[in-house]
Amino acid sequence: MSLPSGRASVVIWTTTPWTLPANQAVAVHAEFDYSLLAIDAGTGKGAVEELLIVASELASSVLQRAGVAASRELAR
């Protein structure tokens, strides 16, 4: 499988948003699955505009909450 080149964003959650400017790393849980998602960020043209890494179990709810209508899982 060939994955697209470029940058991907990691979707995170925090209870202390004021600490985000100082953060330099993202931690992941070894026992959780994560998905690489290609999303259409709103142009409706169907082209991949953004790559996201998100906890697989939360992907559907994250995309729904963000109003993302079109996405596909590229890797898990």
PDB file of N, CA and C in Angstrom:
ATOM      1  N   MET A   1       0.846  -1.178   0.000  1.00  0.00           N
ATOM      2  CA  MET A   1       0.000   0.000   0.000  1.00  0.00           C
ATOM      3  C   MET A   1       0.887   1.235   0.000  1.00  0.00           C
ATOM      4  N   SER A   2       0.536   2.172  -0.803  1.00  0.00           N
ATOM      5  CA  SER A   2       1.272   3.426  -0.879  1.00  0.00           C
ATOM      6  C   SER A   2       0.523   4.500  -0.093  1.00  0.00           C
ATOM      7  N   LEU A   3       1.214   5.116   0.847  1.00  0.00           N
ATOM      8  CA  LEU A   3       0.616   6.186   1.640  1.00  0.00           C
ATOM      9  C   LEU A   3       1.021   7.531   1.067  1.00  0.00           C
ATOM     10  N   PRO A   4       0.145   8.529   1.192  1.00  0.00           N
ATOM     11  CA  PRO A   4       0.491   9.853   0.677  1.00  0.00           C
ATOM     12  C   PRO A   4       1.648  10.464   1.461  1.00  0.00           C
ATOM     13  N   SER A   5       2.440  11.244   0.781  1.00  0.00           N
ATOM     14  CA  SER A   5       3.520  11.940   1.474  1.00  0.00           C
ATOM     15  C   SER A   5       2.984  13.271   1.982  1.00  0.00           C
ATOM     16  N   GLY A   6       3.672  13.820   2.925  1.00  0.00           N
ATOM     17  CA  GLY A   6       3.245  15.095   3.473  1.00  0.00           C
ATOM     18  C   GLY A   6       3.050  15.005   4.974  1.00  0.00           C
ATOM     19  N   ARG A   7       2.526  16.053   5.513  1.00  0.00           N
ATOM     20  CA  ARG A   7       2.343  16.154   6.960  1.00  0.00           C
ATOM     21  C   ARG A   7       0.989  15.615   7.376  1.00  0.00           C
ATOM     22  N   ALA A   8       0.971  15.032   8.550  1.00  0.00           N
ATOM     23  CA  ALA A   8      -0.279  14.577   9.158  1.00  0.00           C
ATOM     24  C   ALA A   8      -0.401  15.254  10.517  1.00  0.00           C
ATOM     25  N   SER A   9      -1.619  15.559  10.914  1.00  0.00           N
ATOM     26  CA  SER A   9      -1.879  16.164  12.220  1.00  0.00           C
ATOM     27  C   SER A   9      -2.374  15.093  13.172  1.00  0.00           C
ATOM     28  N   VAL A  10      -1.930  15.155  14.423  1.00  0.00           N
ATOM     29  CA  VAL A  10      -2.399  14.233  15.450  1.00  0.00           C
ATOM     30  C   VAL A  10      -3.501  14.942  16.229  1.00  0.00           C
ATOM     31  N   VAL A  11      -4.669  14.299  16.291  1.00  0.00           N
ATOM     32  CA  VAL A  11      -5.793  14.868  17.034  1.00  0.00           C
ATOM     33  C   VAL A  11      -5.607  14.498  18.502  1.00  0.00           C
ATOM     34  N   ILE A  12      -5.581  15.518  19.367  1.00  0.00           N
ATOM     35  CA  ILE A  12      -5.365  15.293  20.794  1.00  0.00           C
ATOM     36  C   ILE A  12      -6.508  15.876  21.608  1.00  0.00           C
ATOM     37  N   TRP A  13      -6.532  15.532  22.878  1.00  0.00           N
ATOM     38  CA  TRP A  13      -7.516  16.053  23.821  1.00  0.00           C
ATOM     39  C   TRP A  13      -6.767  16.398  25.094  1.00  0.00           C
ATOM     40  N   THR A  14      -7.114  17.513  25.691  1.00  0.00           N
ATOM     41  CA  THR A  14      -6.460  17.925  26.929  1.00  0.00           C
ATOM     42  C   THR A  14      -7.450  18.639  27.830  1.00  0.00           C
ATOM     43  N   THR A  15      -7.197  18.557  29.126  1.00  0.00           N
ATOM     44  CA  THR A  15      -8.001  19.318  30.089  1.00  0.00           C
ATOM     45  C   THR A  15      -7.306  20.620  30.468  1.00  0.00           C
ATOM     46  N   THR A  16      -6.097  20.801  29.944  1.00  0.00           N
ATOM     47  CA  THR A  16      -5.333  22.010  30.282  1.00  0.00           C
ATOM     48  C   THR A  16      -4.829  22.685  29.013  1.00  0.00           C
ATOM     49  N   PRO A  17      -5.716  23.327  28.247  1.00  0.00           N
ATOM     50  CA  PRO A  17      -5.317  23.904  26.967  1.00  0.00           C
ATOM     51  C   PRO A  17      -4.251  24.992  27.071  1.00  0.00           C
ATOM     52  N   TRP A  18      -4.115  25.629  28.201  1.00  0.00           N
ATOM     53  CA  TRP A  18      -3.111  26.687  28.345  1.00  0.00           C
ATOM     54  C   TRP A  18      -1.699  26.117  28.326  1.00  0.00           C
ATOM     55  N   THR A  19      -1.543  24.799  28.448  1.00  0.00           N
ATOM     56  CA  THR A  19      -0.204  24.196  28.392  1.00  0.00           C
ATOM     57  C   THR A  19       0.217  23.852  26.973  1.00  0.00           C
ATOM     58  N   LEU A  20      -0.693  23.914  26.008  1.00  0.00           N
ATOM     59  CA  LEU A  20      -0.376  23.500  24.635  1.00  0.00           C
ATOM     60  C   LEU A  20       0.811  24.233  24.009  1.00  0.00           C
ATOM     61  N   PRO A  21       0.948  25.542  24.191  1.00  0.00           N
ATOM     62  CA  PRO A  21       2.096  26.216  23.557  1.00  0.00           C
ATOM     63  C   PRO A  21       3.459  25.665  23.987  1.00  0.00           C
ATOM     64  N   ALA A  22       3.552  25.089  25.173  1.00  0.00           N
ATOM     65  CA  ALA A  22       4.833  24.573  25.661  1.00  0.00           C
ATOM     66  C   ALA A  22       5.055  23.103  25.299  1.00  0.00           C
ATOM     67  N   ASN A  23       4.025  22.402  24.836  1.00  0.00           N
ATOM     68  CA  ASN A  23       4.157  20.978  24.521  1.00  0.00           C
ATOM     69  C   ASN A  23       4.998  20.767  23.269  1.00  0.00           C
ATOM     70  N   GLN A  24       5.882  19.776  23.349  1.00  0.00           N
ATOM     71  CA  GLN A  24       6.736  19.472  22.215  1.00  0.00           C
ATOM     72  C   GLN A  24       6.624  18.020  21.768  1.00  0.00           C
ATOM     73  N   ALA A  25       5.677  17.283  22.345  1.00  0.00           N
ATOM     74  CA  ALA A  25       5.509  15.873  21.988  1.00  0.00           C
ATOM     75  C   ALA A  25       4.065  15.462  22.230  1.00  0.00           C
ATOM     76  N   VAL A  26       3.680  14.373  21.610  1.00  0.00           N
ATOM     77  CA  VAL A  26       2.360  13.792  21.812  1.00  0.00           C
ATOM     78  C   VAL A  26       2.574  12.356  22.264  1.00  0.00           C
ATOM     79  N   ALA A  27       1.926  11.959  23.327  1.00  0.00           N
ATOM     80  CA  ALA A  27       2.030  10.588  23.818  1.00  0.00           C
ATOM     81  C   ALA A  27       0.877   9.754  23.269  1.00  0.00           C
ATOM     82  N   VAL A  28       1.163   8.496  22.972  1.00  0.00           N
ATOM     83  CA  VAL A  28       0.131   7.563  22.535  1.00  0.00           C
ATOM     84  C   VAL A  28       0.172   6.352  23.458  1.00  0.00           C
ATOM     85  N   HIS A  29      -0.925   5.637  23.510  1.00  0.00           N
ATOM     86  CA  HIS A  29      -1.035   4.462  24.371  1.00  0.00           C
ATOM     87  C   HIS A  29      -0.677   3.221  23.563  1.00  0.00           C
ATOM     88  N   ALA A  30       0.196   2.409  24.072  1.00  0.00           N
ATOM     89  CA  ALA A  30       0.676   1.221  23.354  1.00  0.00           C
ATOM     90  C   ALA A  30      -0.433   0.212  23.061  1.00  0.00           C
ATOM     91  N   GLU A  31      -1.489   0.213  23.848  1.00  0.00           N
ATOM     92  CA  GLU A  31      -2.553  -0.768  23.660  1.00  0.00           C
ATOM     93  C   GLU A  31      -3.743  -0.229  22.869  1.00  0.00           C
ATOM     94  N   PHE A  32      -3.696   1.010  22.421  1.00  0.00           N
ATOM     95  CA  PHE A  32      -4.774   1.587  21.613  1.00  0.00           C
ATOM     96  C   PHE A  32      -4.396   1.507  20.141  1.00  0.00           C
ATOM     97  N   ASP A  33      -5.415   1.398  19.290  1.00  0.00           N
ATOM     98  CA  ASP A  33      -5.207   1.459  17.847  1.00  0.00           C
ATOM     99  C   ASP A  33      -5.404   2.899  17.392  1.00  0.00           C
ATOM    100  N   TYR A  34      -4.614   3.314  16.416  1.00  0.00           N
ATOM    101  CA  TYR A  34      -4.714   4.649  15.839  1.00  0.00           C
ATOM    102  C   TYR A  34      -4.900   4.516  14.335  1.00  0.00           C
ATOM    103  N   SER A  35      -5.638   5.433  13.740  1.00  0.00           N
ATOM    104  CA  SER A  35      -5.916   5.409  12.312  1.00  0.00           C
ATOM    105  C   SER A  35      -5.342   6.643  11.629  1.00  0.00           C
ATOM    106  N   LEU A  36      -4.835   6.438  10.415  1.00  0.00           N
ATOM    107  CA  LEU A  36      -4.450   7.544   9.548  1.00  0.00           C
ATOM    108  C   LEU A  36      -5.632   7.779   8.626  1.00  0.00           C
ATOM    109  N   LEU A  37      -6.235   8.949   8.724  1.00  0.00           N
ATOM    110  CA  LEU A  37      -7.425   9.279   7.954  1.00  0.00           C
ATOM    111  C   LEU A  37      -7.127  10.362   6.934  1.00  0.00           C
ATOM    112  N   ALA A  38      -7.670  10.202   5.752  1.00  0.00           N
ATOM    113  CA  ALA A  38      -7.631  11.250   4.726  1.00  0.00           C
ATOM    114  C   ALA A  38      -8.999  11.901   4.743  1.00  0.00           C
ATOM    115  N   ILE A  39      -9.033  13.211   4.915  1.00  0.00           N
ATOM    116  CA  ILE A  39     -10.325  13.898   4.990  1.00  0.00           C
ATOM    117  C   ILE A  39     -10.418  15.001   3.953  1.00  0.00           C
ATOM    118  N   ASP A  40     -11.642  15.256   3.543  1.00  0.00           N
ATOM    119  CA  ASP A  40     -11.966  16.415   2.712  1.00  0.00           C
ATOM    120  C   ASP A  40     -12.372  17.491   3.708  1.00  0.00           C
ATOM    121  N   ALA A  41     -11.568  18.515   3.827  1.00  0.00           N
ATOM    122  CA  ALA A  41     -11.791  19.529   4.858  1.00  0.00           C
ATOM    123  C   ALA A  41     -12.804  20.589   4.469  1.00  0.00           C
ATOM    124  N   GLY A  42     -13.666  20.290   3.506  1.00  0.00           N
ATOM    125  CA  GLY A  42     -14.750  21.216   3.254  1.00  0.00           C
ATOM    126  C   GLY A  42     -14.913  21.771   1.862  1.00  0.00           C
ATOM    127  N   THR A  43     -14.016  21.430   0.940  1.00  0.00           N
ATOM    128  CA  THR A  43     -14.182  21.982  -0.400  1.00  0.00           C
ATOM    129  C   THR A  43     -15.226  21.220  -1.193  1.00  0.00           C
ATOM    130  N   GLY A  44     -15.483  19.953  -0.800  1.00  0.00           N
ATOM    131  CA  GLY A  44     -16.454  19.146  -1.513  1.00  0.00           C
ATOM    132  C   GLY A  44     -15.943  18.627  -2.846  1.00  0.00           C
ATOM    133  N   LYS A  45     -14.677  18.847  -3.139  1.00  0.00           N
ATOM    134  CA  LYS A  45     -14.109  18.410  -4.416  1.00  0.00           C
ATOM    135  C   LYS A  45     -13.605  16.977  -4.368  1.00  0.00           C
ATOM    136  N   GLY A  46     -13.596  16.381  -3.184  1.00  0.00           N
ATOM    137  CA  GLY A  46     -13.174  14.999  -3.044  1.00  0.00           C
ATOM    138  C   GLY A  46     -11.674  14.796  -2.950  1.00  0.00           C
ATOM    139  N   ALA A  47     -10.886  15.823  -3.086  1.00  0.00           N
ATOM    140  CA  ALA A  47      -9.436  15.696  -2.996  1.00  0.00           C
ATOM    141  C   ALA A  47      -9.021  15.634  -1.526  1.00  0.00           C
ATOM    142  N   VAL A  48      -7.987  14.870  -1.248  1.00  0.00           N
ATOM    143  CA  VAL A  48      -7.468  14.804   0.114  1.00  0.00           C
ATOM    144  C   VAL A  48      -6.831  16.138   0.444  1.00  0.00           C
ATOM    145  N   GLU A  49      -7.331  16.764   1.455  1.00  0.00           N
ATOM    146  CA  GLU A  49      -6.766  18.045   1.859  1.00  0.00           C
ATOM    147  C   GLU A  49      -5.982  17.942   3.156  1.00  0.00           C
ATOM    148  N   GLU A  50      -6.331  16.964   3.969  1.00  0.00           N
ATOM    149  CA  GLU A  50      -5.686  16.873   5.268  1.00  0.00           C
ATOM    150  C   GLU A  50      -5.562  15.420   5.688  1.00  0.00           C
ATOM    151  N   LEU A  51      -4.453  15.093   6.371  1.00  0.00           N
ATOM    152  CA  LEU A  51      -4.256  13.773   6.945  1.00  0.00           C
ATOM    153  C   LEU A  51      -4.321  13.911   8.451  1.00  0.00           C
ATOM    154  N   LEU A  52      -5.085  13.037   9.095  1.00  0.00           N
ATOM    155  CA  LEU A  52      -5.229  13.066  10.549  1.00  0.00           C
ATOM    156  C   LEU A  52      -4.866  11.719  11.135  1.00  0.00           C
ATOM    157  N   ILE A  53      -4.236  11.738  12.297  1.00  0.00           N
ATOM    158  CA  ILE A  53      -4.006  10.536  13.090  1.00  0.00           C
ATOM    159  C   ILE A  53      -4.887  10.680  14.323  1.00  0.00           C
ATOM    160  N   VAL A  54      -5.749   9.688  14.531  1.00  0.00           N
ATOM    161  CA  VAL A  54      -6.723   9.763  15.618  1.00  0.00           C
ATOM    162  C   VAL A  54      -6.922   8.366  16.194  1.00  0.00           C
ATOM    163  N   ALA A  55      -7.257   8.288  17.473  1.00  0.00           N
ATOM    164  CA  ALA A  55      -7.569   6.998  18.089  1.00  0.00           C
ATOM    165  C   ALA A  55      -8.709   6.353  17.306  1.00  0.00           C
ATOM    166  N   SER A  56      -8.497   5.137  16.837  1.00  0.00           N
ATOM    167  CA  SER A  56      -9.470   4.465  15.972  1.00  0.00           C
ATOM    168  C   SER A  56     -10.854   4.402  16.591  1.00  0.00           C
ATOM    169  N   GLU A  57     -10.918   4.106  17.872  1.00  0.00           N
ATOM    170  CA  GLU A  57     -12.195   3.982  18.574  1.00  0.00           C
ATOM    171  C   GLU A  57     -12.982   5.295  18.581  1.00  0.00           C
ATOM    172  N   LEU A  58     -12.280   6.426  18.491  1.00  0.00           N
ATOM    173  CA  LEU A  58     -12.925   7.738  18.556  1.00  0.00           C
ATOM    174  C   LEU A  58     -13.083   8.404  17.190  1.00  0.00           C
ATOM    175  N   ALA A  59     -12.585   7.779  16.137  1.00  0.00           N
ATOM    176  CA  ALA A  59     -12.559   8.419  14.819  1.00  0.00           C
ATOM    177  C   ALA A  59     -13.936   8.896  14.372  1.00  0.00           C
ATOM    178  N   SER A  60     -14.929   8.054  14.456  1.00  0.00           N
ATOM    179  CA  SER A  60     -16.269   8.420  13.987  1.00  0.00           C
ATOM    180  C   SER A  60     -16.818   9.632  14.732  1.00  0.00           C
ATOM    181  N   SER A  61     -16.701   9.616  16.054  1.00  0.00           N
ATOM    182  CA  SER A  61     -17.255  10.734  16.834  1.00  0.00           C
ATOM    183  C   SER A  61     -16.456  12.020  16.624  1.00  0.00           C
ATOM    184  N   VAL A  62     -15.144  11.922  16.454  1.00  0.00           N
ATOM    185  CA  VAL A  62     -14.313  13.102  16.197  1.00  0.00           C
ATOM    186  C   VAL A  62     -14.695  13.734  14.868  1.00  0.00           C
ATOM    187  N   LEU A  63     -14.826  12.908  13.824  1.00  0.00           N
ATOM    188  CA  LEU A  63     -15.173  13.419  12.507  1.00  0.00           C
ATOM    189  C   LEU A  63     -16.568  14.038  12.498  1.00  0.00           C
ATOM    190  N   GLN A  64     -17.503  13.391  13.181  1.00  0.00           N
ATOM    191  CA  GLN A  64     -18.860  13.929  13.252  1.00  0.00           C
ATOM    192  C   GLN A  64     -18.873  15.272  13.973  1.00  0.00           C
ATOM    193  N   ARG A  65     -18.189  15.338  15.093  1.00  0.00           N
ATOM    194  CA  ARG A  65     -18.156  16.583  15.876  1.00  0.00           C
ATOM    195  C   ARG A  65     -17.488  17.723  15.104  1.00  0.00           C
ATOM    196  N   ALA A  66     -16.495  17.375  14.275  1.00  0.00           N
ATOM    197  CA  ALA A  66     -15.794  18.393  13.483  1.00  0.00           C
ATOM    198  C   ALA A  66     -16.521  18.724  12.189  1.00  0.00           C
ATOM    199  N   GLY A  67     -17.591  18.023  11.905  1.00  0.00           N
ATOM    200  CA  GLY A  67     -18.373  18.299  10.703  1.00  0.00           C
ATOM    201  C   GLY A  67     -17.727  17.806   9.419  1.00  0.00           C
ATOM    202  N   VAL A  68     -16.899  16.779   9.521  1.00  0.00           N
ATOM    203  CA  VAL A  68     -16.240  16.216   8.343  1.00  0.00           C
ATOM    204  C   VAL A  68     -17.193  15.224   7.683  1.00  0.00           C
ATOM    205  N   ALA A  69     -17.545  15.497   6.444  1.00  0.00           N
ATOM    206  CA  ALA A  69     -18.511  14.660   5.734  1.00  0.00           C
ATOM    207  C   ALA A  69     -17.846  13.516   4.984  1.00  0.00           C
ATOM    208  N   ALA A  70     -16.626  13.713   4.487  1.00  0.00           N
ATOM    209  CA  ALA A  70     -15.962  12.702   3.671  1.00  0.00           C
ATOM    210  C   ALA A  70     -14.593  12.353   4.254  1.00  0.00           C
ATOM    211  N   SER A  71     -14.383  11.067   4.489  1.00  0.00           N
ATOM    212  CA  SER A  71     -13.088  10.614   4.992  1.00  0.00           C
ATOM    213  C   SER A  71     -12.893   9.159   4.606  1.00  0.00           C
ATOM    214  N   ARG A  72     -11.633   8.735   4.656  1.00  0.00           N
ATOM    215  CA  ARG A  72     -11.357   7.316   4.465  1.00  0.00           C
ATOM    216  C   ARG A  72     -10.127   6.946   5.282  1.00  0.00           C
ATOM    217  N   GLU A  73     -10.132   5.729   5.794  1.00  0.00           N
ATOM    218  CA  GLU A  73      -9.018   5.243   6.596  1.00  0.00           C
ATOM    219  C   GLU A  73      -7.936   4.706   5.664  1.00  0.00           C
ATOM    220  N   LEU A  74      -6.738   5.259   5.761  1.00  0.00           N
ATOM    221  CA  LEU A  74      -5.617   4.833   4.922  1.00  0.00           C
ATOM    222  C   LEU A  74      -4.781   3.753   5.585  1.00  0.00           C
ATOM    223  N   ALA A  75      -4.711   3.781   6.913  1.00  0.00           N
ATOM    224  CA  ALA A  75      -3.901   2.802   7.642  1.00  0.00           C
ATOM    225  C   ALA A  75      -4.376   2.753   9.076  1.00  0.00           C
ATOM    226  N   ARG A  76      -4.081   1.621   9.731  1.00  0.00           N
ATOM    227  CA  ARG A  76      -4.412   1.454  11.147  1.00  0.00           C
ATOM    228  C   ARG A  76      -3.231   0.820  11.832  1.00  0.00           C
TER     229      ARG A  76
END
